[in-house]
N, C-alpha and C. Protein backbone atom coordinates (compact mmCIF):
# COMPACT_ATOMS: atom_id res chain seq x y z
N MET A 1 81.63 56.54 187.65
CA MET A 1 83.13 56.39 187.73
C MET A 1 83.74 56.27 186.42
N SER A 2 84.99 56.99 186.29
CA SER A 2 85.51 56.81 184.97
C SER A 2 86.95 56.08 184.96
N ILE A 3 87.43 55.59 183.88
CA ILE A 3 88.63 54.94 183.82
C ILE A 3 89.55 55.89 182.97
N TRP A 4 90.93 55.97 183.49
CA TRP A 4 91.85 56.91 183.15
C TRP A 4 93.03 56.09 182.34
N LEU A 5 93.28 56.39 181.21
CA LEU A 5 94.45 55.69 180.42
C LEU A 5 95.63 56.83 180.25
N ARG A 6 96.85 56.55 180.75
CA ARG A 6 97.87 57.49 180.68
C ARG A 6 98.88 56.93 179.76
N ALA A 7 99.38 57.81 178.94
CA ALA A 7 100.43 57.69 177.83
C ALA A 7 101.39 58.72 177.89
N GLY A 8 102.49 58.75 178.80
CA GLY A 8 103.43 59.77 178.69
C GLY A 8 102.85 60.91 179.48
N PRO A 9 102.84 62.24 178.86
CA PRO A 9 102.02 63.36 179.56
C PRO A 9 100.69 63.42 179.48
N LEU A 10 100.18 62.57 178.41
CA LEU A 10 98.73 62.62 178.27
C LEU A 10 97.86 61.58 178.81
N LYS A 11 96.67 62.03 179.64
CA LYS A 11 95.64 61.12 180.13
C LYS A 11 94.35 61.18 179.52
N LEU A 12 93.80 60.00 179.18
CA LEU A 12 92.56 60.17 178.62
C LEU A 12 91.47 59.24 179.50
N SER A 13 90.23 59.86 179.77
CA SER A 13 89.31 58.97 180.53
C SER A 13 88.37 58.39 179.66
N SER A 14 87.57 57.40 180.10
CA SER A 14 86.52 56.85 179.58
C SER A 14 85.38 57.87 179.34
N ARG A 15 85.15 58.91 179.83
CA ARG A 15 84.14 59.78 179.65
C ARG A 15 84.63 61.01 178.63
N GLY A 16 85.77 60.85 178.13
CA GLY A 16 86.25 61.79 177.06
C GLY A 16 87.07 62.87 177.67
N ARG A 17 87.33 62.81 178.86
CA ARG A 17 88.18 63.93 179.40
C ARG A 17 89.65 63.67 179.08
N VAL A 18 90.27 64.72 178.57
CA VAL A 18 91.65 64.62 178.20
C VAL A 18 92.68 65.66 179.09
N GLY A 19 93.71 65.08 179.70
CA GLY A 19 94.48 65.84 180.54
C GLY A 19 95.99 65.75 179.97
N VAL A 20 96.81 66.93 180.34
CA VAL A 20 98.23 66.86 179.88
C VAL A 20 98.93 67.48 181.01
N ARG A 21 100.11 66.80 181.35
CA ARG A 21 100.99 67.18 182.44
C ARG A 21 102.24 67.45 181.97
N VAL A 22 102.64 68.94 181.95
CA VAL A 22 104.10 69.29 181.60
C VAL A 22 104.73 69.88 182.53
N GLY A 23 105.58 69.10 183.20
CA GLY A 23 106.36 69.45 184.34
C GLY A 23 105.33 69.72 185.37
N PRO A 24 105.44 70.99 186.05
CA PRO A 24 104.51 71.13 187.23
C PRO A 24 103.13 71.76 186.79
N VAL A 25 102.83 71.67 185.52
CA VAL A 25 101.53 72.42 184.99
C VAL A 25 100.78 71.19 184.38
N SER A 26 99.49 71.33 184.76
CA SER A 26 98.50 70.24 184.33
C SER A 26 97.35 71.13 183.76
N ALA A 27 96.64 70.38 182.61
CA ALA A 27 95.52 70.85 182.11
C ALA A 27 94.63 69.67 181.80
N TYR A 28 93.26 70.03 181.92
CA TYR A 28 92.28 69.15 181.72
C TYR A 28 91.09 69.69 180.87
N GLY A 29 90.52 68.92 180.07
CA GLY A 29 89.29 69.48 179.37
C GLY A 29 88.38 68.20 178.67
N GLY A 30 87.31 68.71 178.14
CA GLY A 30 86.51 67.83 177.25
C GLY A 30 85.52 67.07 178.41
N GLY A 31 85.04 66.07 178.13
CA GLY A 31 84.16 65.08 178.99
C GLY A 31 82.75 65.38 178.68
N ARG A 32 82.24 65.91 177.50
CA ARG A 32 80.87 66.05 177.34
C ARG A 32 80.02 64.47 177.16
N ARG A 33 78.72 64.67 177.53
CA ARG A 33 78.10 63.34 177.44
C ARG A 33 77.88 63.01 176.10
N ARG A 34 78.22 61.95 175.42
CA ARG A 34 77.81 61.72 174.23
C ARG A 34 76.52 60.97 173.82
N ARG A 35 75.85 61.48 172.85
CA ARG A 35 74.84 60.94 172.44
C ARG A 35 74.84 59.73 171.31
N SER A 36 74.00 59.09 170.97
CA SER A 36 74.14 57.96 169.97
C SER A 36 74.30 58.58 168.49
N GLY A 37 75.46 58.49 167.86
CA GLY A 37 75.68 59.07 166.53
C GLY A 37 76.24 60.45 166.56
N ASP A 38 76.63 60.83 167.77
CA ASP A 38 77.24 62.14 167.93
C ASP A 38 78.64 62.04 167.95
N VAL A 39 79.42 62.50 166.92
CA VAL A 39 80.82 62.32 166.82
C VAL A 39 81.63 63.74 166.98
N SER A 40 80.84 64.80 167.32
CA SER A 40 81.61 65.94 167.49
C SER A 40 82.35 66.04 168.73
N GLY A 41 82.01 65.22 169.68
CA GLY A 41 82.86 65.20 171.13
C GLY A 41 84.17 64.39 170.78
N TRP A 42 84.00 63.39 169.95
CA TRP A 42 85.36 62.56 169.58
C TRP A 42 86.22 63.69 168.85
N GLY A 43 85.67 64.58 167.72
CA GLY A 43 86.48 65.46 167.07
C GLY A 43 87.22 66.57 167.89
N LEU A 44 86.39 67.06 168.91
CA LEU A 44 87.02 67.85 169.80
C LEU A 44 88.10 67.43 170.71
N LEU A 45 87.93 66.07 171.14
CA LEU A 45 88.89 65.36 171.87
C LEU A 45 90.11 65.11 171.04
N VAL A 46 90.03 64.78 169.81
CA VAL A 46 91.26 64.61 169.05
C VAL A 46 91.95 65.91 168.87
N GLY A 47 91.25 66.96 168.49
CA GLY A 47 91.92 68.20 168.40
C GLY A 47 92.60 68.60 169.68
N PHE A 48 92.04 68.46 170.81
CA PHE A 48 92.67 68.81 171.96
C PHE A 48 93.85 68.00 172.30
N ALA A 49 93.90 66.79 171.87
CA ALA A 49 94.95 65.88 171.98
C ALA A 49 96.03 66.35 171.21
N LEU A 50 95.75 66.73 169.80
CA LEU A 50 96.92 67.36 169.00
C LEU A 50 97.51 68.42 169.38
N VAL A 51 96.60 69.59 169.99
CA VAL A 51 97.34 70.67 170.67
C VAL A 51 98.13 70.33 171.87
N ALA A 52 97.65 69.38 172.74
CA ALA A 52 98.50 68.86 173.67
C ALA A 52 99.84 68.28 173.39
N LEU A 53 99.78 67.57 172.26
CA LEU A 53 101.02 66.94 171.46
C LEU A 53 102.00 68.13 171.18
N VAL A 54 101.45 69.12 170.45
CA VAL A 54 102.32 70.12 169.98
C VAL A 54 103.18 70.76 171.09
N ILE A 55 102.21 71.23 172.18
CA ILE A 55 102.53 72.06 173.39
C ILE A 55 103.86 71.05 174.03
N TYR A 56 103.41 69.70 174.15
CA TYR A 56 104.43 68.90 174.85
C TYR A 56 105.83 68.96 173.98
N ALA A 57 105.57 68.77 172.57
CA ALA A 57 106.82 68.82 171.74
C ALA A 57 107.68 70.07 172.06
N ILE A 58 106.96 71.19 171.96
CA ILE A 58 107.69 72.46 172.11
C ILE A 58 108.40 72.57 173.72
N TYR A 59 107.61 71.91 174.52
CA TYR A 59 108.11 71.79 175.83
C TYR A 59 109.54 70.99 176.01
N LEU A 60 109.33 69.80 175.34
CA LEU A 60 110.65 69.11 175.21
C LEU A 60 111.84 69.63 174.51
N ALA A 61 111.52 70.41 173.45
CA ALA A 61 112.48 70.98 172.55
C ALA A 61 113.15 72.14 173.43
N VAL A 62 112.43 72.63 174.19
CA VAL A 62 113.12 73.90 174.99
C VAL A 62 113.59 73.53 176.44
N MET A 63 112.95 72.67 177.13
CA MET A 63 113.03 72.54 178.47
C MET A 63 114.14 71.49 178.70
N TRP A 64 114.13 70.53 177.85
CA TRP A 64 115.27 69.35 177.97
C TRP A 64 116.54 69.78 177.72
N PRO A 65 116.96 70.45 176.61
CA PRO A 65 118.16 71.01 176.54
C PRO A 65 118.65 72.14 177.59
N LEU A 66 117.60 72.93 177.87
CA LEU A 66 117.82 73.91 178.91
C LEU A 66 118.13 73.33 180.26
N SER A 67 117.32 72.33 180.61
CA SER A 67 117.58 71.54 181.97
C SER A 67 118.98 70.81 181.98
N LEU A 68 119.34 70.14 180.90
CA LEU A 68 120.77 69.75 180.73
C LEU A 68 121.69 70.65 180.94
N TRP A 69 121.63 71.96 180.44
CA TRP A 69 122.66 72.74 180.34
C TRP A 69 122.58 73.43 181.88
N GLY A 70 121.41 73.73 182.32
CA GLY A 70 121.44 74.33 183.61
C GLY A 70 121.78 73.46 184.83
N HIS A 71 121.52 71.95 184.63
CA HIS A 71 121.89 71.18 185.64
C HIS A 71 123.40 70.91 185.57
N ALA A 72 124.06 71.10 184.49
CA ALA A 72 125.45 71.09 184.47
C ALA A 72 126.17 72.05 185.02
N LEU A 73 125.37 73.29 185.10
CA LEU A 73 125.98 74.56 185.66
C LEU A 73 125.52 74.58 187.33
N HIS A 74 124.69 73.59 187.73
CA HIS A 74 124.16 73.46 189.13
C HIS A 74 123.20 74.69 189.25
N LEU A 75 122.44 75.05 188.21
CA LEU A 75 121.60 75.97 188.53
C LEU A 75 120.08 75.56 188.33
N THR A 76 119.86 74.49 187.69
CA THR A 76 118.43 74.06 187.60
C THR A 76 118.37 72.51 187.82
N PRO A 77 116.98 72.02 188.15
CA PRO A 77 117.06 70.66 188.17
C PRO A 77 117.16 69.98 186.87
N SER A 78 117.45 68.68 186.84
CA SER A 78 117.52 67.93 185.60
C SER A 78 116.11 67.74 185.08
N PHE A 79 115.97 67.23 183.89
CA PHE A 79 114.73 67.29 183.10
C PHE A 79 113.93 66.15 183.97
N HIS A 80 114.45 65.05 184.41
CA HIS A 80 113.96 64.04 185.09
C HIS A 80 113.35 64.60 186.37
N GLU A 81 113.98 65.34 187.09
CA GLU A 81 113.62 65.94 188.30
C GLU A 81 112.46 66.95 188.10
N LEU A 82 112.53 67.69 187.01
CA LEU A 82 111.75 68.77 186.65
C LEU A 82 110.28 68.10 186.52
N ARG A 83 110.29 66.88 185.85
CA ARG A 83 108.95 66.25 185.59
C ARG A 83 108.44 65.35 186.77
N ASN A 84 109.30 64.90 187.56
CA ASN A 84 108.95 63.99 188.51
C ASN A 84 108.84 64.39 190.05
N ARG A 85 109.55 65.77 190.26
CA ARG A 85 109.56 66.13 191.68
C ARG A 85 108.29 67.11 191.83
N ASN A 86 107.86 67.04 193.18
CA ASN A 86 106.98 68.17 193.48
C ASN A 86 107.49 69.54 193.68
N GLY A 87 106.56 70.55 194.00
CA GLY A 87 106.79 71.84 194.24
C GLY A 87 107.66 71.97 195.52
N VAL A 88 107.39 71.26 196.65
CA VAL A 88 108.01 71.40 197.99
C VAL A 88 109.60 71.00 197.61
N TRP A 89 109.67 69.79 197.06
CA TRP A 89 111.06 69.34 196.84
C TRP A 89 111.79 70.46 195.84
N MET A 90 111.19 71.02 194.94
CA MET A 90 111.77 71.95 193.98
C MET A 90 112.14 73.19 194.65
N HIS A 91 111.24 73.58 195.64
CA HIS A 91 111.48 74.86 196.40
C HIS A 91 112.76 74.68 197.47
N HIS A 92 112.84 73.54 197.76
CA HIS A 92 113.92 73.25 198.87
C HIS A 92 115.19 73.10 198.23
N HIS A 93 115.21 72.41 197.14
CA HIS A 93 116.63 72.24 196.37
C HIS A 93 116.90 73.28 195.27
N TYR A 94 115.92 73.82 194.84
CA TYR A 94 116.14 74.90 193.76
C TYR A 94 115.12 76.18 193.89
N PRO A 95 115.46 76.81 194.78
CA PRO A 95 114.49 78.05 195.02
C PRO A 95 114.53 79.01 193.90
N LEU A 96 113.37 79.61 193.74
CA LEU A 96 113.48 80.49 192.45
C LEU A 96 113.63 79.72 191.32
N VAL A 97 113.05 78.62 190.98
CA VAL A 97 113.59 77.84 189.86
C VAL A 97 113.26 78.56 188.39
N GLY A 98 112.35 79.30 188.39
CA GLY A 98 111.94 80.00 187.12
C GLY A 98 113.10 81.06 186.78
N LEU A 99 113.52 81.78 187.86
CA LEU A 99 114.67 82.69 187.62
C LEU A 99 115.85 81.89 187.33
N ARG A 100 116.12 80.85 187.68
CA ARG A 100 117.25 79.92 187.60
C ARG A 100 117.25 79.47 186.02
N TYR A 101 116.07 79.25 185.63
CA TYR A 101 115.97 78.81 184.27
C TYR A 101 116.32 79.91 183.22
N VAL A 102 115.86 81.17 183.68
CA VAL A 102 116.12 82.43 182.88
C VAL A 102 117.68 82.78 182.89
N GLY A 103 118.17 82.41 184.05
CA GLY A 103 119.75 82.75 184.05
C GLY A 103 120.54 81.64 183.23
N ALA A 104 120.04 80.38 183.35
CA ALA A 104 120.64 79.34 182.40
C ALA A 104 120.55 79.71 181.00
N ALA A 105 119.25 80.22 180.74
CA ALA A 105 119.08 80.51 179.25
C ALA A 105 119.91 81.64 178.89
N ALA A 106 120.16 82.69 179.73
CA ALA A 106 121.05 83.82 179.48
C ALA A 106 122.39 83.30 179.24
N LEU A 107 122.87 82.55 180.14
CA LEU A 107 124.32 82.04 180.11
C LEU A 107 124.60 81.21 178.74
N GLY A 108 123.48 80.61 178.47
CA GLY A 108 123.54 79.59 177.30
C GLY A 108 123.57 80.56 176.01
N LEU A 109 122.79 81.47 176.02
CA LEU A 109 123.00 82.47 174.86
C LEU A 109 124.45 83.27 174.83
N LEU A 110 124.95 83.52 176.02
CA LEU A 110 126.33 84.21 176.18
C LEU A 110 127.30 83.19 175.39
N ALA A 111 127.26 82.02 175.96
CA ALA A 111 128.12 80.94 175.62
C ALA A 111 127.95 80.71 174.08
N LEU A 112 126.75 80.73 173.61
CA LEU A 112 126.83 80.46 172.25
C LEU A 112 127.31 81.67 171.36
N ALA A 113 127.02 82.86 171.92
CA ALA A 113 127.76 84.05 171.39
C ALA A 113 129.32 84.06 171.26
N ILE A 114 129.80 83.68 172.36
CA ILE A 114 131.25 83.55 172.43
C ILE A 114 131.66 82.62 171.60
N VAL A 115 131.10 81.44 171.57
CA VAL A 115 131.49 80.34 170.53
C VAL A 115 131.40 80.66 169.14
N SER A 116 130.27 81.46 168.90
CA SER A 116 130.07 81.99 167.37
C SER A 116 131.04 82.97 166.87
N LEU A 117 131.64 83.88 167.85
CA LEU A 117 132.48 85.07 167.37
C LEU A 117 133.54 84.39 166.47
N PRO A 118 134.38 83.38 166.69
CA PRO A 118 135.50 83.07 165.88
C PRO A 118 134.93 82.67 164.44
N LEU A 119 133.69 82.01 164.55
CA LEU A 119 133.22 81.49 163.33
C LEU A 119 132.56 82.65 162.50
N ILE A 120 131.96 83.54 163.22
CA ILE A 120 131.56 84.92 162.43
C ILE A 120 132.72 85.62 162.04
N SER A 121 133.97 85.69 162.80
CA SER A 121 135.10 86.43 162.28
C SER A 121 135.67 85.69 161.10
N ARG A 122 135.73 84.39 161.20
CA ARG A 122 136.27 83.65 160.05
C ARG A 122 135.48 83.75 158.84
N GLY A 123 134.18 83.75 158.91
CA GLY A 123 133.30 83.97 157.75
C GLY A 123 133.39 85.46 157.20
N LYS A 124 133.61 86.43 158.06
CA LYS A 124 133.92 87.75 157.62
C LYS A 124 135.15 87.93 156.71
N ARG A 125 136.10 87.21 157.40
CA ARG A 125 137.45 87.31 156.79
C ARG A 125 137.46 86.58 155.48
N ALA A 126 136.82 85.44 155.43
CA ALA A 126 136.65 84.57 154.11
C ALA A 126 135.83 85.23 153.16
N SER A 127 134.86 86.03 153.47
CA SER A 127 134.01 86.86 152.48
C SER A 127 135.09 88.09 152.01
N ALA A 128 135.85 88.55 153.02
CA ALA A 128 136.58 89.77 152.41
C ALA A 128 137.39 89.22 151.54
N GLU A 129 138.17 88.09 151.90
CA GLU A 129 139.07 87.43 150.93
C GLU A 129 138.58 87.24 149.48
N ALA A 130 137.41 86.72 149.67
CA ALA A 130 136.56 86.36 148.31
C ALA A 130 136.39 87.50 147.57
N ARG A 131 135.90 88.83 148.32
CA ARG A 131 135.69 90.04 147.59
C ARG A 131 136.81 90.51 146.98
N ALA A 132 138.07 90.42 147.89
CA ALA A 132 139.28 90.93 147.16
C ALA A 132 139.76 90.08 145.94
N ALA A 133 139.62 88.75 145.94
CA ALA A 133 140.05 87.93 144.83
C ALA A 133 139.09 88.33 143.77
N GLU A 134 137.76 88.62 143.86
CA GLU A 134 136.88 88.93 142.78
C GLU A 134 137.34 90.21 142.25
N ALA A 135 137.73 91.25 143.12
CA ALA A 135 138.11 92.49 142.52
C ALA A 135 139.53 92.38 141.68
N THR A 136 140.38 91.61 142.30
CA THR A 136 141.50 91.20 141.61
C THR A 136 141.31 90.64 140.18
N ALA A 137 140.44 89.58 140.20
CA ALA A 137 140.21 88.94 138.95
C ALA A 137 139.44 89.91 138.00
N ARG A 138 138.68 90.81 138.47
CA ARG A 138 138.02 91.74 137.50
C ARG A 138 138.92 92.72 137.01
N GLN A 139 139.82 93.21 137.93
CA GLN A 139 140.90 94.12 137.34
C GLN A 139 141.73 93.47 136.33
N GLN A 140 142.12 92.10 136.56
CA GLN A 140 142.94 91.42 135.55
C GLN A 140 141.94 91.20 134.19
N ARG A 141 140.71 91.01 134.35
CA ARG A 141 139.85 90.96 133.18
C ARG A 141 139.90 92.27 132.44
N GLN A 142 139.89 93.22 133.13
CA GLN A 142 139.86 94.80 132.48
C GLN A 142 141.05 94.91 131.97
N LEU A 143 142.37 94.55 132.50
CA LEU A 143 143.62 94.69 131.73
C LEU A 143 143.67 93.92 130.61
N GLU A 144 143.20 92.65 130.66
CA GLU A 144 143.35 91.67 129.57
C GLU A 144 142.44 92.30 128.35
N ASP A 145 141.13 92.90 128.61
CA ASP A 145 140.26 93.46 127.65
C ASP A 145 140.92 94.74 127.02
N ALA A 146 141.76 95.52 127.80
CA ALA A 146 142.14 96.72 127.35
C ALA A 146 143.46 96.43 126.54
N GLU A 147 144.20 95.39 126.81
CA GLU A 147 145.30 94.88 125.97
C GLU A 147 144.67 94.37 124.71
N ARG A 148 143.76 93.49 124.74
CA ARG A 148 143.06 93.02 123.59
C ARG A 148 142.53 94.05 122.69
N ALA A 149 141.96 95.14 123.22
CA ALA A 149 141.35 96.28 122.38
C ALA A 149 142.70 97.23 121.76
N GLU A 150 143.77 97.32 122.66
CA GLU A 150 144.78 97.85 122.12
C GLU A 150 145.58 97.17 120.80
N THR A 151 145.48 95.71 121.03
CA THR A 151 146.05 94.97 120.05
C THR A 151 145.23 95.06 118.79
N GLN A 152 143.94 94.88 118.88
CA GLN A 152 143.00 94.97 117.85
C GLN A 152 143.07 96.20 117.02
N LYS A 153 143.22 97.43 117.80
CA LYS A 153 143.45 98.72 117.27
C LYS A 153 144.63 98.84 116.58
N ARG A 154 145.68 98.18 117.02
CA ARG A 154 147.14 98.38 116.35
C ARG A 154 147.07 97.54 115.15
N GLU A 155 146.40 96.41 115.30
CA GLU A 155 146.37 95.69 113.89
C GLU A 155 145.47 96.27 112.80
N ALA A 156 144.27 96.90 113.40
CA ALA A 156 143.57 97.56 112.40
C ALA A 156 144.32 98.78 111.75
N THR A 157 145.09 99.45 112.59
CA THR A 157 145.81 100.49 111.98
C THR A 157 147.05 100.13 111.03
N GLU A 158 147.64 99.01 111.35
CA GLU A 158 148.70 98.39 110.45
C GLU A 158 148.03 97.85 109.24
N GLN A 159 146.87 97.43 109.26
CA GLN A 159 146.07 96.91 108.11
C GLN A 159 145.78 97.93 107.15
N ARG A 160 145.21 99.23 107.74
CA ARG A 160 144.93 100.29 107.04
C ARG A 160 146.17 100.88 106.32
N VAL A 161 147.11 100.95 107.04
CA VAL A 161 148.61 101.41 106.37
C VAL A 161 148.98 100.65 105.22
N ALA A 162 148.78 99.28 105.51
CA ALA A 162 149.32 98.24 104.52
C ALA A 162 148.29 98.49 103.16
N LEU A 163 146.95 98.62 103.41
CA LEU A 163 146.17 98.60 102.25
C LEU A 163 146.45 100.01 101.64
N ALA A 164 146.81 101.14 102.40
CA ALA A 164 146.92 102.30 101.76
C ALA A 164 148.19 102.16 100.81
N ALA A 165 149.28 101.62 101.40
CA ALA A 165 150.40 101.39 100.67
C ALA A 165 150.39 100.63 99.50
N LYS A 166 149.50 99.52 99.51
CA LYS A 166 149.13 98.71 98.38
C LYS A 166 148.53 99.53 97.50
N ALA A 167 147.55 100.34 97.85
CA ALA A 167 146.69 100.97 96.76
C ALA A 167 147.67 102.10 96.14
N GLU A 168 148.60 102.68 96.96
CA GLU A 168 149.51 103.67 96.29
C GLU A 168 150.47 102.90 95.33
N GLN A 169 150.97 101.85 95.72
CA GLN A 169 151.83 101.05 94.75
C GLN A 169 150.96 100.67 93.44
N ILE A 170 149.75 100.34 93.56
CA ILE A 170 149.05 99.95 92.55
C ILE A 170 148.83 101.25 91.42
N HIS A 171 148.48 102.43 92.25
CA HIS A 171 148.36 103.53 91.47
C HIS A 171 149.40 104.08 90.83
N ALA A 172 150.69 104.10 91.56
CA ALA A 172 151.97 104.37 90.82
C ALA A 172 152.22 103.43 89.73
N GLU A 173 152.01 102.05 89.73
CA GLU A 173 152.31 101.07 88.58
C GLU A 173 151.25 101.58 87.50
N TRP A 174 150.07 102.05 87.93
CA TRP A 174 148.91 102.33 86.72
C TRP A 174 149.52 103.54 86.09
N LEU A 175 150.10 104.74 86.84
CA LEU A 175 150.67 105.92 86.35
C LEU A 175 151.72 105.69 85.46
N SER A 176 152.61 104.64 85.98
CA SER A 176 153.83 104.37 85.11
C SER A 176 153.52 103.63 83.75
N GLY A 177 152.43 102.98 83.74
CA GLY A 177 152.21 102.13 82.60
C GLY A 177 151.59 102.82 81.44
N PRO A 178 151.16 102.32 80.43
CA PRO A 178 150.75 102.91 79.05
C PRO A 178 149.32 103.27 79.59
N PRO A 179 148.80 104.53 78.93
CA PRO A 179 147.36 104.83 79.33
C PRO A 179 146.41 104.09 78.51
N PRO A 180 145.37 103.66 79.30
CA PRO A 180 144.37 102.67 78.69
C PRO A 180 143.52 103.64 77.49
N ALA A 181 142.92 102.84 76.80
CA ALA A 181 142.09 103.56 75.71
C ALA A 181 141.02 104.28 76.39
N LEU A 182 140.64 105.48 75.84
CA LEU A 182 139.48 106.25 76.38
C LEU A 182 138.36 106.28 75.48
N GLN A 183 137.23 106.01 76.09
CA GLN A 183 135.88 105.68 75.42
C GLN A 183 135.00 107.03 75.81
N PHE A 184 134.61 107.58 74.50
CA PHE A 184 134.02 108.80 74.79
C PHE A 184 132.51 108.50 74.55
N PRO A 185 131.70 109.36 75.35
CA PRO A 185 130.25 109.16 74.88
C PRO A 185 129.77 109.91 73.78
N GLY A 186 128.68 109.89 73.32
CA GLY A 186 128.14 110.28 72.06
C GLY A 186 128.08 111.89 72.28
N ARG A 187 127.77 112.37 73.71
CA ARG A 187 127.75 113.57 74.01
C ARG A 187 128.38 113.90 75.55
N VAL A 188 129.35 114.84 75.46
CA VAL A 188 130.16 115.06 76.81
C VAL A 188 129.39 115.69 77.44
N THR A 189 128.74 115.37 78.63
CA THR A 189 127.93 116.10 79.51
C THR A 189 128.59 116.39 80.80
N ALA A 190 128.10 117.27 81.60
CA ALA A 190 128.75 117.61 82.92
C ALA A 190 128.83 116.55 83.81
N THR A 191 127.78 115.59 83.74
CA THR A 191 127.85 114.19 84.65
C THR A 191 129.05 113.47 84.26
N TRP A 192 129.25 113.24 82.97
CA TRP A 192 130.24 112.57 82.35
C TRP A 192 131.63 113.16 82.75
N ILE A 193 131.74 114.34 82.63
CA ILE A 193 132.90 115.02 83.13
C ILE A 193 133.35 114.87 84.58
N ALA A 194 132.29 114.95 85.57
CA ALA A 194 132.60 115.00 86.83
C ALA A 194 132.78 113.38 87.24
N ASN A 195 132.32 112.45 86.57
CA ASN A 195 132.69 111.12 86.90
C ASN A 195 133.94 110.53 86.29
N HIS A 196 134.44 111.12 85.17
CA HIS A 196 135.43 110.48 84.51
C HIS A 196 136.66 111.23 84.50
N VAL A 197 136.65 112.43 84.42
CA VAL A 197 137.97 113.21 84.16
C VAL A 197 138.64 113.25 85.43
N PRO A 198 138.12 113.34 86.60
CA PRO A 198 139.17 113.40 87.85
C PRO A 198 139.93 112.02 87.81
N HIS A 199 139.56 110.91 87.26
CA HIS A 199 140.27 109.78 87.40
C HIS A 199 141.02 109.23 85.99
N LEU A 200 141.26 110.30 85.13
CA LEU A 200 141.87 109.98 83.87
C LEU A 200 143.38 109.80 84.25
N HIS A 201 143.96 108.85 83.40
CA HIS A 201 145.43 108.63 83.36
C HIS A 201 145.90 109.96 82.74
N PRO A 202 147.22 110.33 83.19
CA PRO A 202 147.92 111.38 82.64
C PRO A 202 148.18 111.31 81.08
N GLY A 203 148.34 110.23 80.61
CA GLY A 203 148.37 110.06 79.05
C GLY A 203 147.14 110.10 78.36
N GLN A 204 145.82 110.20 79.20
CA GLN A 204 144.52 110.13 78.59
C GLN A 204 144.22 111.71 78.37
N VAL A 205 144.83 112.57 79.09
CA VAL A 205 144.35 114.09 79.19
C VAL A 205 144.60 114.59 77.73
N PRO A 206 145.74 114.52 77.21
CA PRO A 206 145.85 115.11 75.61
C PRO A 206 144.85 114.29 74.76
N VAL A 207 144.44 113.05 74.95
CA VAL A 207 143.56 112.52 74.07
C VAL A 207 142.19 113.08 74.23
N LEU A 208 141.81 113.40 75.39
CA LEU A 208 140.55 114.17 75.76
C LEU A 208 140.41 115.47 75.22
N LEU A 209 141.52 116.09 75.51
CA LEU A 209 141.56 117.60 74.84
C LEU A 209 141.49 117.58 73.34
N ALA A 210 142.20 116.72 72.81
CA ALA A 210 142.03 116.65 71.29
C ALA A 210 140.66 116.26 70.72
N GLU A 211 140.08 115.35 71.48
CA GLU A 211 138.67 115.08 71.05
C GLU A 211 137.71 116.09 71.17
N LEU A 212 137.77 116.86 72.31
CA LEU A 212 136.99 117.90 72.60
C LEU A 212 137.12 119.08 71.57
N ARG A 213 138.44 119.32 71.22
CA ARG A 213 138.77 120.48 70.18
C ARG A 213 138.07 120.00 68.89
N ARG A 214 138.24 118.49 68.58
CA ARG A 214 137.61 118.18 67.44
C ARG A 214 136.16 118.21 67.31
N ARG A 215 135.48 118.10 68.41
CA ARG A 215 133.97 118.36 68.51
C ARG A 215 133.64 119.69 68.65
N GLY A 216 134.68 120.72 68.59
CA GLY A 216 134.22 122.26 68.47
C GLY A 216 134.31 122.91 69.78
N TRP A 217 134.86 122.38 70.86
CA TRP A 217 135.00 123.07 72.08
C TRP A 217 135.95 124.12 71.96
N THR A 218 135.82 125.27 72.54
CA THR A 218 136.69 126.32 72.29
C THR A 218 137.70 126.08 73.76
N GLU A 219 138.68 126.85 73.69
CA GLU A 219 139.74 127.02 74.87
C GLU A 219 139.00 127.54 76.09
N GLU A 220 138.12 128.55 76.02
CA GLU A 220 137.46 129.01 77.18
C GLU A 220 136.46 127.72 77.60
N ASP A 221 135.88 126.93 76.78
CA ASP A 221 134.98 126.02 77.16
C ASP A 221 135.75 124.94 78.09
N ILE A 222 136.96 124.54 77.27
CA ILE A 222 137.73 123.60 78.14
C ILE A 222 138.35 124.16 79.45
N THR A 223 138.75 125.51 79.49
CA THR A 223 139.31 126.07 80.70
C THR A 223 138.18 126.05 81.65
N ALA A 224 136.99 126.35 81.32
CA ALA A 224 135.98 126.45 82.36
C ALA A 224 135.38 125.16 82.81
N ARG A 225 135.30 124.28 81.95
CA ARG A 225 134.46 123.09 82.27
C ARG A 225 135.26 121.79 82.40
N ILE A 226 136.49 121.69 81.90
CA ILE A 226 137.36 120.61 82.10
C ILE A 226 138.63 120.79 82.99
N ASN A 227 139.14 122.02 82.84
CA ASN A 227 140.50 122.05 83.87
C ASN A 227 140.26 121.78 85.28
N PRO A 228 138.94 122.37 85.84
CA PRO A 228 138.64 122.13 87.37
C PRO A 228 138.77 120.57 87.76
N TYR A 229 138.58 119.68 86.81
CA TYR A 229 138.35 118.36 87.03
C TYR A 229 139.61 117.40 86.69
N LEU A 230 140.62 118.16 86.08
CA LEU A 230 141.76 117.39 85.61
C LEU A 230 142.53 117.04 86.86
N PRO A 231 143.09 115.61 86.89
CA PRO A 231 143.78 115.21 87.99
C PRO A 231 145.10 115.92 88.16
N ALA A 232 145.50 116.01 89.41
CA ALA A 232 146.92 116.88 89.51
C ALA A 232 148.02 116.09 88.98
N ALA A 233 148.87 116.87 88.47
CA ALA A 233 150.03 116.27 87.90
C ALA A 233 150.91 115.66 88.78
């Protein structure tokens, strides 16, 4: 003889048998004879109990809201009736109860879709508005960058023009002033001529030519070697 202990959907016997009743479905297992020091039976018992609890939790999570919804539509029994009424009562009051639950689930999904449509539409509209605002902001940044680049380009051009004008003014003042003293090397080479003659002050040219003639340069030498480098008048 065994003693059964019941806790909700679970039943546990003194011989180690475990049972679970989920609505009209029942399952039992276990019940091996235990020897002294043998704990494997208890491990199997605990594992079966955990599996049963998981199954019952899934059953509650699905059938309770579905029964509530279906009962409100007069399609399915309530969750209390599902758990506590027998098959005869169920067949009399709710024939084809499985199909009724399928219909309740389909109607629930349809209602959920209908309710979700405005939310989805609102989300799409908000997303489109956010993309439009982002595109507008990007265009605005591009316009600002283009204006900034144009301003920098204009300022750089104005600065170059101002520097060129300043350099021209300085050069004009240098030309209008007295020529500086010209320092001659010990030997007038082609390198010295290329580096110095093009930048001579107009007043230094007669001094250069006189010095070259004094050093024995002929007019042919001056024409061939000096004249190509003389600054334009």
